[in-house]
Amino acid sequence: MMPHAKLKSSLPGAGSTVAAPKELRLTFSEKIELKIAKVTLLRGTEEVAALGDIAADAQAPETVIIPVTKSLAAGSYTVKYRVAGPDGHPMGGSYVFSVK
């Protein structure tokens, strides 16, 4: 059985407080299938429509880059993701970061 794609690291990092980011970078344990990847940004329970299209990092295909298209106000944000690796098995999760 193949291991499933797990989130290894992120920018902004989980639990971090940062200046408003221009992009989100999520690094997984393996390359993910972009066509079925979904990343959303929530502020409280409201989805923030501030993300562009997901793209793979050309230097590191297991990293996806999601542009932040609007400046984020100060506060707490939840990044929710649902991705699948080459085996097609979906994995989801979330983490929180804050904008100062």
N, C-alpha and C. Protein backbone atom coordinates (compact mmCIF):
# COMPACT_ATOMS: atom_id res chain seq x y z
N MET A 1 0.84 -1.18 0.00
CA MET A 1 0.00 0.00 0.00
C MET A 1 0.89 1.25 0.00
N MET A 2 0.51 2.21 -0.83
CA MET A 2 1.30 3.43 -0.91
C MET A 2 0.92 4.39 0.21
N PRO A 3 1.90 5.13 0.71
CA PRO A 3 1.54 6.16 1.71
C PRO A 3 0.74 7.26 1.04
N HIS A 4 -0.09 7.93 1.79
CA HIS A 4 -0.89 9.00 1.23
C HIS A 4 -0.18 10.34 1.44
N ALA A 5 -0.56 11.30 0.60
CA ALA A 5 0.04 12.64 0.70
C ALA A 5 -0.31 13.26 2.04
N LYS A 6 0.72 13.62 2.78
CA LYS A 6 0.52 14.29 4.07
C LYS A 6 1.19 15.66 4.01
N LEU A 7 0.60 16.63 4.70
CA LEU A 7 1.19 17.95 4.75
C LEU A 7 2.44 17.90 5.62
N LYS A 8 3.59 18.27 5.04
CA LYS A 8 4.86 18.27 5.78
C LYS A 8 5.17 19.66 6.34
N SER A 9 4.90 20.70 5.55
CA SER A 9 5.18 22.05 6.02
C SER A 9 4.32 23.04 5.24
N SER A 10 4.24 24.24 5.78
CA SER A 10 3.45 25.28 5.11
C SER A 10 4.04 26.65 5.41
N LEU A 11 3.79 27.57 4.50
CA LEU A 11 4.11 28.98 4.69
C LEU A 11 2.85 29.75 4.35
N PRO A 12 2.30 30.59 5.20
CA PRO A 12 2.71 30.75 6.58
C PRO A 12 2.55 29.44 7.35
N GLY A 13 3.36 29.26 8.35
CA GLY A 13 3.33 28.03 9.13
C GLY A 13 2.13 27.97 10.07
N ALA A 14 1.75 26.75 10.43
CA ALA A 14 0.66 26.55 11.39
C ALA A 14 1.01 27.25 12.69
N GLY A 15 0.06 28.02 13.20
CA GLY A 15 0.26 28.70 14.48
C GLY A 15 1.10 29.97 14.40
N SER A 16 1.55 30.35 13.21
CA SER A 16 2.42 31.52 13.09
C SER A 16 1.60 32.80 12.98
N THR A 17 2.25 33.92 13.28
CA THR A 17 1.67 35.24 13.08
C THR A 17 2.58 35.96 12.10
N VAL A 18 2.01 36.40 10.99
CA VAL A 18 2.82 36.94 9.88
C VAL A 18 2.19 38.23 9.35
N ALA A 19 2.99 38.97 8.57
CA ALA A 19 2.43 40.06 7.78
C ALA A 19 1.56 39.39 6.70
N ALA A 20 0.60 40.12 6.15
CA ALA A 20 -0.31 39.52 5.16
C ALA A 20 0.48 38.83 4.04
N PRO A 21 0.29 37.52 3.87
CA PRO A 21 1.08 36.80 2.86
C PRO A 21 0.59 37.06 1.44
N LYS A 22 1.52 36.98 0.49
CA LYS A 22 1.18 37.13 -0.93
C LYS A 22 0.83 35.77 -1.55
N GLU A 23 1.22 34.70 -0.85
CA GLU A 23 0.93 33.35 -1.34
C GLU A 23 0.94 32.39 -0.16
N LEU A 24 0.28 31.25 -0.39
CA LEU A 24 0.36 30.12 0.54
C LEU A 24 1.21 29.06 -0.14
N ARG A 25 2.09 28.42 0.61
CA ARG A 25 2.91 27.33 0.09
C ARG A 25 2.70 26.12 0.97
N LEU A 26 2.19 25.05 0.40
CA LEU A 26 1.96 23.81 1.14
C LEU A 26 2.86 22.73 0.56
N THR A 27 3.67 22.11 1.41
CA THR A 27 4.58 21.06 0.97
C THR A 27 4.07 19.73 1.52
N PHE A 28 3.86 18.78 0.61
CA PHE A 28 3.34 17.47 0.97
C PHE A 28 4.44 16.42 0.90
N SER A 29 4.12 15.24 1.38
CA SER A 29 5.10 14.14 1.41
C SER A 29 5.33 13.54 0.02
N GLU A 30 4.47 13.90 -0.92
CA GLU A 30 4.63 13.44 -2.30
C GLU A 30 3.94 14.43 -3.22
N LYS A 31 4.22 14.29 -4.51
CA LYS A 31 3.58 15.14 -5.51
C LYS A 31 2.08 14.90 -5.46
N ILE A 32 1.29 15.97 -5.55
CA ILE A 32 -0.15 15.79 -5.51
C ILE A 32 -0.77 16.04 -6.88
N GLU A 33 -1.98 15.54 -7.05
CA GLU A 33 -2.71 15.72 -8.30
C GLU A 33 -3.40 17.08 -8.26
N LEU A 34 -2.88 18.04 -9.04
CA LEU A 34 -3.41 19.40 -8.99
C LEU A 34 -4.87 19.48 -9.41
N LYS A 35 -5.28 18.64 -10.35
CA LYS A 35 -6.64 18.77 -10.89
C LYS A 35 -7.72 18.44 -9.85
N ILE A 36 -7.35 17.73 -8.79
CA ILE A 36 -8.34 17.42 -7.76
C ILE A 36 -8.00 18.07 -6.42
N ALA A 37 -6.95 18.90 -6.39
CA ALA A 37 -6.57 19.59 -5.16
C ALA A 37 -7.50 20.78 -4.93
N LYS A 38 -7.87 20.98 -3.67
CA LYS A 38 -8.72 22.13 -3.32
C LYS A 38 -8.18 22.74 -2.04
N VAL A 39 -7.96 24.05 -2.08
CA VAL A 39 -7.50 24.78 -0.90
C VAL A 39 -8.44 25.97 -0.71
N THR A 40 -8.94 26.13 0.51
CA THR A 40 -9.79 27.27 0.81
C THR A 40 -9.23 28.00 2.03
N LEU A 41 -9.54 29.28 2.11
CA LEU A 41 -9.10 30.12 3.21
C LEU A 41 -10.34 30.63 3.92
N LEU A 42 -10.38 30.41 5.23
CA LEU A 42 -11.54 30.83 6.02
C LEU A 42 -11.11 31.86 7.06
N ARG A 43 -11.97 32.82 7.29
CA ARG A 43 -11.80 33.75 8.41
C ARG A 43 -13.01 33.54 9.28
N GLY A 44 -12.82 32.98 10.47
CA GLY A 44 -13.95 32.53 11.27
C GLY A 44 -14.61 31.38 10.51
N THR A 45 -15.90 31.50 10.23
CA THR A 45 -16.58 30.45 9.48
C THR A 45 -16.84 30.87 8.03
N GLU A 46 -16.40 32.08 7.67
CA GLU A 46 -16.64 32.59 6.32
C GLU A 46 -15.48 32.29 5.39
N GLU A 47 -15.79 31.77 4.21
CA GLU A 47 -14.73 31.55 3.23
C GLU A 47 -14.28 32.90 2.67
N VAL A 48 -12.97 33.09 2.58
CA VAL A 48 -12.40 34.32 2.04
C VAL A 48 -12.06 34.05 0.57
N ALA A 49 -12.69 34.80 -0.33
CA ALA A 49 -12.44 34.61 -1.75
C ALA A 49 -11.20 35.40 -2.16
N ALA A 50 -10.05 34.91 -1.69
CA ALA A 50 -8.81 35.67 -1.92
C ALA A 50 -7.70 34.80 -2.50
N LEU A 51 -8.06 33.62 -3.01
CA LEU A 51 -7.02 32.71 -3.50
C LEU A 51 -7.11 32.54 -5.01
N GLY A 52 -5.93 32.51 -5.65
CA GLY A 52 -5.86 32.24 -7.08
C GLY A 52 -5.75 30.73 -7.31
N ASP A 53 -5.38 30.36 -8.52
CA ASP A 53 -5.29 28.95 -8.90
C ASP A 53 -4.06 28.28 -8.29
N ILE A 54 -4.24 27.04 -7.90
CA ILE A 54 -3.16 26.23 -7.34
C ILE A 54 -2.18 25.87 -8.46
N ALA A 55 -0.88 26.00 -8.16
CA ALA A 55 0.14 25.60 -9.13
C ALA A 55 1.24 24.84 -8.37
N ALA A 56 1.90 23.95 -9.09
CA ALA A 56 3.02 23.23 -8.48
C ALA A 56 4.27 24.09 -8.59
N ASP A 57 5.14 24.01 -7.58
CA ASP A 57 6.43 24.69 -7.61
C ASP A 57 7.30 23.94 -8.62
N ALA A 58 7.83 24.67 -9.61
CA ALA A 58 8.64 24.03 -10.65
C ALA A 58 9.89 23.36 -10.08
N GLN A 59 10.44 23.91 -9.00
CA GLN A 59 11.65 23.35 -8.38
C GLN A 59 11.36 22.18 -7.46
N ALA A 60 10.15 22.12 -6.93
CA ALA A 60 9.79 21.11 -5.93
C ALA A 60 8.34 20.71 -6.16
N PRO A 61 8.09 19.69 -7.00
CA PRO A 61 6.72 19.35 -7.40
C PRO A 61 5.81 18.90 -6.25
N GLU A 62 6.38 18.57 -5.09
CA GLU A 62 5.52 18.21 -3.96
C GLU A 62 5.01 19.45 -3.22
N THR A 63 5.47 20.63 -3.64
CA THR A 63 5.01 21.89 -3.05
C THR A 63 4.03 22.56 -4.00
N VAL A 64 2.89 23.00 -3.45
CA VAL A 64 1.93 23.76 -4.24
C VAL A 64 1.92 25.20 -3.74
N ILE A 65 1.72 26.10 -4.69
CA ILE A 65 1.70 27.53 -4.41
C ILE A 65 0.31 28.05 -4.76
N ILE A 66 -0.30 28.75 -3.83
CA ILE A 66 -1.62 29.32 -4.06
C ILE A 66 -1.50 30.83 -3.85
N PRO A 67 -1.66 31.62 -4.92
CA PRO A 67 -1.55 33.07 -4.76
C PRO A 67 -2.68 33.61 -3.88
N VAL A 68 -2.34 34.57 -3.02
CA VAL A 68 -3.35 35.30 -2.24
C VAL A 68 -3.61 36.58 -3.03
N THR A 69 -4.82 36.70 -3.57
CA THR A 69 -5.13 37.75 -4.54
C THR A 69 -5.66 39.03 -3.90
N LYS A 70 -6.01 38.98 -2.62
CA LYS A 70 -6.47 40.17 -1.90
C LYS A 70 -5.64 40.29 -0.64
N SER A 71 -5.41 41.51 -0.20
CA SER A 71 -4.69 41.71 1.04
C SER A 71 -5.56 41.21 2.20
N LEU A 72 -4.97 40.45 3.09
CA LEU A 72 -5.71 39.90 4.21
C LEU A 72 -5.66 40.87 5.39
N ALA A 73 -6.81 41.12 5.98
CA ALA A 73 -6.89 41.97 7.17
C ALA A 73 -6.31 41.22 8.36
N ALA A 74 -5.94 41.96 9.38
CA ALA A 74 -5.43 41.34 10.60
C ALA A 74 -6.49 40.40 11.17
N GLY A 75 -6.03 39.27 11.70
CA GLY A 75 -6.96 38.30 12.28
C GLY A 75 -6.47 36.89 12.09
N SER A 76 -7.31 35.96 12.46
CA SER A 76 -6.98 34.54 12.40
C SER A 76 -7.62 33.91 11.16
N TYR A 77 -6.85 33.09 10.46
CA TYR A 77 -7.31 32.44 9.23
C TYR A 77 -7.09 30.94 9.31
N THR A 78 -8.00 30.19 8.73
CA THR A 78 -7.86 28.74 8.64
C THR A 78 -7.66 28.36 7.18
N VAL A 79 -6.61 27.60 6.91
CA VAL A 79 -6.37 27.05 5.58
C VAL A 79 -6.90 25.62 5.61
N LYS A 80 -7.85 25.32 4.73
CA LYS A 80 -8.39 23.96 4.61
C LYS A 80 -7.92 23.40 3.28
N TYR A 81 -7.48 22.15 3.29
CA TYR A 81 -7.02 21.56 2.04
C TYR A 81 -7.56 20.14 1.90
N ARG A 82 -7.73 19.76 0.64
CA ARG A 82 -8.12 18.39 0.30
C ARG A 82 -7.32 18.05 -0.94
N VAL A 83 -6.46 17.08 -0.83
CA VAL A 83 -5.55 16.74 -1.93
C VAL A 83 -5.48 15.23 -2.08
N ALA A 84 -4.91 14.80 -3.19
CA ALA A 84 -4.66 13.38 -3.39
C ALA A 84 -3.31 13.22 -4.07
N GLY A 85 -2.60 12.18 -3.68
CA GLY A 85 -1.35 11.86 -4.34
C GLY A 85 -1.62 11.03 -5.57
N PRO A 86 -0.57 10.46 -6.16
CA PRO A 86 -0.71 9.66 -7.38
C PRO A 86 -1.66 8.47 -7.22
N ASP A 87 -1.85 7.98 -5.98
CA ASP A 87 -2.76 6.85 -5.77
C ASP A 87 -4.23 7.28 -5.82
N GLY A 88 -4.48 8.60 -5.85
CA GLY A 88 -5.84 9.09 -5.97
C GLY A 88 -6.63 9.10 -4.67
N HIS A 89 -6.02 8.69 -3.57
CA HIS A 89 -6.73 8.64 -2.29
C HIS A 89 -6.76 10.03 -1.66
N PRO A 90 -7.96 10.61 -1.46
CA PRO A 90 -8.01 11.97 -0.93
C PRO A 90 -7.64 12.06 0.54
N MET A 91 -6.89 13.11 0.87
CA MET A 91 -6.52 13.40 2.25
C MET A 91 -6.85 14.87 2.49
N GLY A 92 -7.36 15.16 3.65
CA GLY A 92 -7.69 16.54 3.94
C GLY A 92 -7.15 16.96 5.29
N GLY A 93 -7.16 18.24 5.53
CA GLY A 93 -6.72 18.75 6.81
C GLY A 93 -6.86 20.26 6.83
N SER A 94 -6.44 20.83 7.92
CA SER A 94 -6.48 22.28 8.04
C SER A 94 -5.46 22.74 9.08
N TYR A 95 -5.15 24.01 9.01
CA TYR A 95 -4.31 24.61 10.04
C TYR A 95 -4.64 26.09 10.11
N VAL A 96 -4.21 26.73 11.18
CA VAL A 96 -4.55 28.12 11.44
C VAL A 96 -3.27 28.97 11.48
N PHE A 97 -3.35 30.17 10.92
CA PHE A 97 -2.29 31.15 11.10
C PHE A 97 -2.95 32.51 11.32
N SER A 98 -2.18 33.47 11.80
CA SER A 98 -2.74 34.81 12.05
C SER A 98 -1.98 35.86 11.25
N VAL A 99 -2.72 36.89 10.85
CA VAL A 99 -2.12 38.04 10.19
C VAL A 99 -2.10 39.17 11.21
N LYS A 100 -0.92 39.81 11.35
CA LYS A 100 -0.81 40.88 12.35
C LYS A 100 -1.20 42.23 11.77
